[in-house]
Amino acid sequence: MIIPNDILHDIFVWVNPQSISKYMTLSKAVHQVLTSYWFAVSNLERHLPNSMKGKGSFDLVYRHMWQHLPDTHQQVYYDIYTDAGKAAELQVWARRYQVVGGHIPTQLANLVSLKQVCFFRTSLRGCIPCTLGKLANLVELDLADNDVVGVIPKELGFLGNLAILKLCSNNLCGSIPEELGFLVSLEVLNVSGNKLTGKIPETLCNLTQLQELHLGYNMLTGGIPSGLGGLLQLKSATLMQNRLTGSVPKQLGDLPNIVQLDNKPQPIKRGSSI
């Protein structure tokens, strides 16, 4: 019988971090889980108090427990539990994160210098933690092509430095939060291929830096805001396969940089019916 990775994660997360190494040879699947960055974060979180975060001495770590931790645990300890790690830019922290299924860890909110969270096609499941809205330095959030469910947290609208937001090809539901219109630095917004409902928020018309807008393959209703025609940087907009009504605003087709404008299997003509 094959035990799912998330079950293995939940079983071994209770094991003391300094004893994890002896279980790594049980099977290839167990080894994959126990050596993942994801597991190391959860395992250390389970066994070390929050009061240690950002206050550890790197020298003391080596002296007392560092040599007994697996390699990935050592990196996580440095990143989260030491002053040096907390001060680091951590631009590619999430790319080191060998996700093997499971939920997005709420511990990400502790990495306040984090700039990139990229979990593209990593068997991710569960909801998007609203605590990600605390990552004020985040530039890219990519959760595309997973099995993420629930709503898009309105707290993501507080990420003032966010330039890329990709939540496409998941199972997200509910409406597109109006708060996403506060993302003044946003250049790419892709929430296509979900189960989103409701209207396209008028606030998206405030995203003056937006170059790509992909809302297709959802269940959105109502009309297309004419204000989207004021997004002068927009190059690509995908709206097809929704339940939108009315006509495509002429202003969209008149944008100086637009190269792709779809709401049907073929490129649409400005002013055409939906």
Protein backbone atom coordinates (compact mmCIF):
# COMPACT_ATOMS: atom_id res chain seq x y z
CA MET A 1 0.00 0.00 0.00
CA ILE A 2 1.27 3.46 -0.92
CA ILE A 3 0.92 6.00 1.87
CA PRO A 4 0.25 9.55 0.61
CA ASN A 5 2.99 12.10 1.24
CA ASP A 6 0.77 14.32 3.37
CA ILE A 7 0.02 11.37 5.67
CA LEU A 8 3.73 10.57 6.00
CA HIS A 9 4.29 14.25 6.78
CA ASP A 10 1.69 14.18 9.57
CA ILE A 11 3.12 10.98 11.05
CA PHE A 12 6.79 11.97 11.18
CA VAL A 13 6.25 15.61 12.15
CA TRP A 14 5.96 14.39 15.74
CA VAL A 15 9.45 12.86 15.72
CA ASN A 16 12.19 14.85 17.43
CA PRO A 17 14.19 16.73 14.77
CA GLN A 18 17.46 15.27 16.01
CA SER A 19 16.10 11.74 15.40
CA ILE A 20 14.71 12.25 11.91
CA SER A 21 17.80 10.99 10.07
CA LYS A 22 17.41 7.38 11.21
CA TYR A 23 14.00 7.11 9.50
CA MET A 24 15.15 8.40 6.11
CA THR A 25 16.14 4.96 4.79
CA LEU A 26 12.74 3.36 5.39
CA SER A 27 11.64 3.97 1.80
CA LYS A 28 12.13 6.33 -1.11
CA ALA A 29 8.81 8.05 -0.34
CA VAL A 30 9.72 8.56 3.32
CA HIS A 31 13.12 9.93 2.33
CA GLN A 32 11.49 12.38 -0.08
CA VAL A 33 9.19 13.72 2.61
CA LEU A 34 11.74 13.89 5.43
CA THR A 35 14.32 15.73 3.34
CA SER A 36 11.89 18.37 2.08
CA TYR A 37 12.10 21.98 3.19
CA TRP A 38 8.37 21.84 3.80
CA PHE A 39 8.70 19.02 6.35
CA ALA A 40 11.67 20.65 8.08
CA VAL A 41 9.70 23.85 8.69
CA SER A 42 6.76 21.93 10.19
CA ASN A 43 8.97 19.59 12.22
CA LEU A 44 10.98 22.37 13.82
CA GLU A 45 7.84 24.42 14.39
CA ARG A 46 6.34 21.46 16.27
CA HIS A 47 9.32 20.98 18.58
CA LEU A 48 10.90 24.40 19.03
CA PRO A 49 9.17 27.32 20.80
CA ASN A 50 8.24 30.44 18.86
CA SER A 51 10.27 32.46 21.35
CA MET A 52 13.44 31.10 19.73
CA LYS A 53 12.70 32.59 16.33
CA GLY A 54 15.14 35.26 15.27
CA LYS A 55 17.00 35.10 18.57
CA GLY A 56 19.32 32.15 18.11
CA SER A 57 23.08 32.37 17.98
CA PHE A 58 24.58 30.55 15.03
CA ASP A 59 27.58 29.49 17.14
CA LEU A 60 25.33 28.06 19.83
CA VAL A 61 23.37 26.14 17.24
CA TYR A 62 26.53 24.38 16.11
CA ARG A 63 27.56 23.65 19.67
CA HIS A 64 24.30 22.20 20.96
CA MET A 65 22.23 20.64 18.21
CA TRP A 66 23.33 21.59 14.71
CA GLN A 67 25.38 18.44 14.09
CA HIS A 68 22.38 16.23 14.89
CA LEU A 69 20.01 17.85 12.39
CA PRO A 70 19.53 16.70 8.77
CA ASP A 71 20.88 19.09 6.14
CA THR A 72 17.51 20.59 5.26
CA HIS A 73 16.66 21.14 8.93
CA GLN A 74 19.95 22.98 9.34
CA GLN A 75 19.03 25.37 6.54
CA VAL A 76 15.54 25.95 7.94
CA TYR A 77 16.94 26.60 11.40
CA TYR A 78 19.31 29.17 9.94
CA ASP A 79 16.57 30.82 7.89
CA ILE A 80 13.93 31.07 10.60
CA TYR A 81 15.53 30.69 14.03
CA THR A 82 18.70 32.76 13.81
CA ASP A 83 19.31 36.48 13.51
CA ALA A 84 21.39 35.93 10.38
CA GLY A 85 18.61 34.05 8.67
CA LYS A 86 15.94 36.55 9.63
CA ALA A 87 18.03 39.35 8.17
CA ALA A 88 18.68 37.55 4.89
CA GLU A 89 16.94 38.55 1.69
CA LEU A 90 15.73 34.97 1.07
CA GLN A 91 14.86 35.78 -2.51
CA VAL A 92 14.73 32.15 -3.59
CA TRP A 93 13.71 30.51 -0.32
CA ALA A 94 10.57 29.00 -1.78
CA ARG A 95 12.46 27.59 -4.75
CA ARG A 96 14.53 25.49 -2.36
CA TYR A 97 11.31 24.31 -0.79
CA GLN A 98 10.93 20.74 -2.06
CA VAL A 99 7.17 20.49 -1.70
CA VAL A 100 5.72 16.99 -1.96
CA GLY A 101 2.06 17.73 -1.37
CA GLY A 102 0.28 19.11 1.65
CA HIS A 103 -0.85 22.54 2.76
CA ILE A 104 0.83 25.91 2.47
CA PRO A 105 2.64 26.38 5.80
CA THR A 106 1.49 29.36 7.84
CA GLN A 107 5.12 29.69 8.99
CA LEU A 108 5.88 31.52 5.76
CA ALA A 109 4.52 34.65 7.42
CA ASN A 110 7.54 34.58 9.76
CA LEU A 111 9.94 35.18 6.86
CA VAL A 112 9.32 38.90 6.58
CA SER A 113 12.12 39.44 4.04
CA LEU A 114 10.77 36.84 1.65
CA LYS A 115 10.48 38.06 -1.93
CA GLN A 116 9.44 34.95 -3.85
CA VAL A 117 6.98 32.15 -3.08
CA CYS A 118 6.91 29.81 -6.06
CA PHE A 119 5.03 26.53 -5.68
CA PHE A 120 4.17 25.87 -9.34
CA ARG A 121 2.85 22.33 -9.90
CA THR A 122 3.90 20.90 -6.53
CA SER A 123 0.76 18.93 -5.55
CA LEU A 124 -0.15 21.71 -3.16
CA ARG A 125 -3.58 21.50 -1.54
CA GLY A 126 -5.67 23.30 1.05
CA CYS A 127 -6.42 27.00 1.37
CA ILE A 128 -4.24 30.07 0.87
CA PRO A 129 -3.32 31.36 4.37
CA CYS A 130 -4.45 34.93 4.90
CA THR A 131 -1.18 35.42 6.83
CA LEU A 132 0.65 35.66 3.50
CA GLY A 133 -0.66 39.21 3.48
CA LYS A 134 2.04 40.00 6.07
CA LEU A 135 4.89 39.43 3.60
CA ALA A 136 5.33 43.11 2.80
CA ASN A 137 8.43 42.51 0.65
CA LEU A 138 6.89 39.80 -1.50
CA VAL A 139 7.33 40.39 -5.23
CA GLU A 140 6.09 37.09 -6.66
CA LEU A 141 3.43 34.62 -5.49
CA ASP A 142 3.02 31.63 -7.79
CA LEU A 143 0.68 28.82 -6.67
CA ALA A 144 -0.33 27.80 -10.19
CA ASP A 145 -1.37 24.32 -11.28
CA ASN A 146 -2.09 22.74 -7.90
CA ASP A 147 -5.18 21.72 -5.95
CA VAL A 148 -5.58 24.86 -3.86
CA VAL A 149 -9.15 25.41 -2.67
CA GLY A 150 -11.17 28.04 -0.83
CA VAL A 151 -11.30 31.76 -1.55
CA ILE A 152 -8.62 34.24 -2.56
CA PRO A 153 -7.76 36.04 0.71
CA LYS A 154 -8.45 39.74 0.60
CA GLU A 155 -5.25 40.16 2.63
CA LEU A 156 -3.23 39.57 -0.55
CA GLY A 157 -4.31 43.06 -1.52
CA PHE A 158 -2.00 44.42 1.18
CA LEU A 159 1.15 43.22 -0.63
CA GLY A 160 2.20 46.60 -1.97
CA ASN A 161 5.36 45.29 -3.68
CA LEU A 162 3.72 42.34 -5.40
CA ALA A 163 4.39 42.29 -9.15
CA ILE A 164 3.35 38.74 -10.09
CA LEU A 165 0.29 36.89 -8.77
CA LYS A 166 -0.40 33.49 -10.36
CA LEU A 167 -3.21 31.41 -8.84
CA CYS A 168 -4.35 29.76 -12.08
CA SER A 169 -5.37 26.12 -12.58
CA ASN A 170 -6.59 25.43 -9.06
CA ASN A 171 -10.00 24.97 -7.46
CA LEU A 172 -10.47 28.41 -5.97
CA CYS A 173 -14.02 29.62 -5.50
CA GLY A 174 -15.84 32.77 -4.43
CA SER A 175 -15.31 36.19 -5.93
CA ILE A 176 -12.17 38.07 -6.94
CA PRO A 177 -11.44 40.34 -3.94
CA GLU A 178 -11.78 44.04 -4.62
CA GLU A 179 -8.65 44.49 -2.50
CA LEU A 180 -6.53 43.14 -5.38
CA GLY A 181 -7.07 46.55 -6.92
CA PHE A 182 -4.74 47.95 -4.23
CA LEU A 183 -1.75 46.11 -5.74
CA VAL A 184 -0.30 49.16 -7.44
CA SER A 185 2.92 47.34 -8.45
CA LEU A 186 1.14 44.36 -10.02
CA GLU A 187 2.23 43.46 -13.55
CA VAL A 188 0.77 39.95 -13.91
CA LEU A 189 -2.58 38.73 -12.54
CA ASN A 190 -3.56 35.20 -13.51
CA VAL A 191 -6.51 33.53 -11.77
CA SER A 192 -7.77 31.60 -14.81
CA GLY A 193 -8.90 28.00 -14.61
CA ASN A 194 -10.66 28.11 -11.25
CA LYS A 195 -14.29 28.24 -10.11
CA LEU A 196 -14.47 31.93 -9.38
CA THR A 197 -17.87 33.63 -9.45
CA GLY A 198 -19.26 37.15 -9.24
CA LYS A 199 -18.31 40.22 -11.23
CA ILE A 200 -14.94 41.47 -12.38
CA PRO A 201 -14.07 44.07 -9.70
CA GLU A 202 -13.97 47.65 -10.91
CA THR A 203 -10.95 48.14 -8.67
CA LEU A 204 -8.82 46.15 -11.12
CA CYS A 205 -8.99 49.23 -13.30
CA ASN A 206 -6.58 50.86 -10.81
CA LEU A 207 -3.74 48.47 -11.69
CA THR A 208 -1.90 50.89 -13.93
CA GLN A 209 1.25 48.73 -14.16
CA LEU A 210 -0.65 45.60 -15.26
CA GLN A 211 0.68 43.89 -18.38
CA GLU A 212 -1.15 40.57 -18.20
CA LEU A 213 -4.72 39.96 -17.01
CA HIS A 214 -5.99 36.37 -17.17
CA LEU A 215 -9.47 35.69 -15.79
CA GLY A 216 -10.63 33.03 -18.26
CA TYR A 217 -12.17 29.62 -17.56
CA ASN A 218 -14.10 30.61 -14.47
CA MET A 219 -17.78 31.36 -13.83
CA LEU A 220 -17.60 35.15 -13.72
CA THR A 221 -20.77 37.08 -14.51
CA GLY A 222 -21.75 40.63 -15.44
CA GLY A 223 -19.99 42.89 -17.90
CA ILE A 224 -16.37 43.71 -18.56
CA PRO A 225 -15.48 47.03 -16.84
CA SER A 226 -14.78 49.67 -19.46
CA GLY A 227 -12.13 51.09 -17.12
CA LEU A 228 -9.84 48.21 -18.08
CA GLY A 229 -9.31 50.19 -21.26
CA GLY A 230 -7.32 52.66 -19.18
CA LEU A 231 -4.60 50.13 -18.39
CA LEU A 232 -2.10 51.46 -20.90
CA GLN A 233 0.58 48.85 -20.11
CA LEU A 234 -1.75 45.90 -20.78
CA LYS A 235 -0.44 43.50 -23.42
CA SER A 236 -2.56 40.40 -22.87
CA ALA A 237 -6.06 39.84 -21.48
CA THR A 238 -7.83 36.48 -21.38
CA LEU A 239 -11.52 36.51 -20.45
CA MET A 240 -12.91 33.56 -22.42
CA GLN A 241 -15.08 30.75 -21.02
CA ASN A 242 -16.95 32.72 -18.38
CA ARG A 243 -20.60 33.80 -18.12
CA LEU A 244 -19.98 37.42 -18.96
CA THR A 245 -22.64 39.49 -20.69
CA GLY A 246 -22.72 42.56 -22.86
CA SER A 247 -20.00 43.68 -25.25
CA VAL A 248 -16.25 43.82 -25.04
CA PRO A 249 -15.36 47.48 -24.36
CA LYS A 250 -13.91 49.15 -27.40
CA GLN A 251 -11.29 50.76 -25.19
CA LEU A 252 -9.63 47.40 -24.61
CA GLY A 253 -8.96 46.86 -28.29
CA ASP A 254 -7.63 50.40 -28.61
CA LEU A 255 -4.89 49.92 -26.02
CA PRO A 256 -1.50 50.76 -27.59
CA ASN A 257 0.34 47.64 -26.35
CA ILE A 258 -2.41 45.02 -26.54
CA VAL A 259 -1.39 41.93 -28.52
CA GLN A 260 -3.83 39.32 -27.20
CA LEU A 261 -7.47 39.88 -26.32
CA ASP A 262 -9.56 36.73 -26.00
CA ASN A 263 -13.04 36.00 -24.84
CA LYS A 264 -13.77 33.30 -27.35
CA PRO A 265 -11.66 30.48 -28.84
CA GLN A 266 -10.56 32.97 -31.54
CA PRO A 267 -9.25 36.48 -30.88
CA ILE A 268 -12.20 38.82 -30.44
CA LYS A 269 -12.77 42.06 -32.18
CA ARG A 270 -13.24 45.17 -30.12
CA GLY A 271 -16.85 46.11 -29.62
CA SER A 272 -18.04 42.57 -30.35
CA SER A 273 -20.65 40.74 -28.27
CA ILE A 274 -19.64 38.29 -25.57
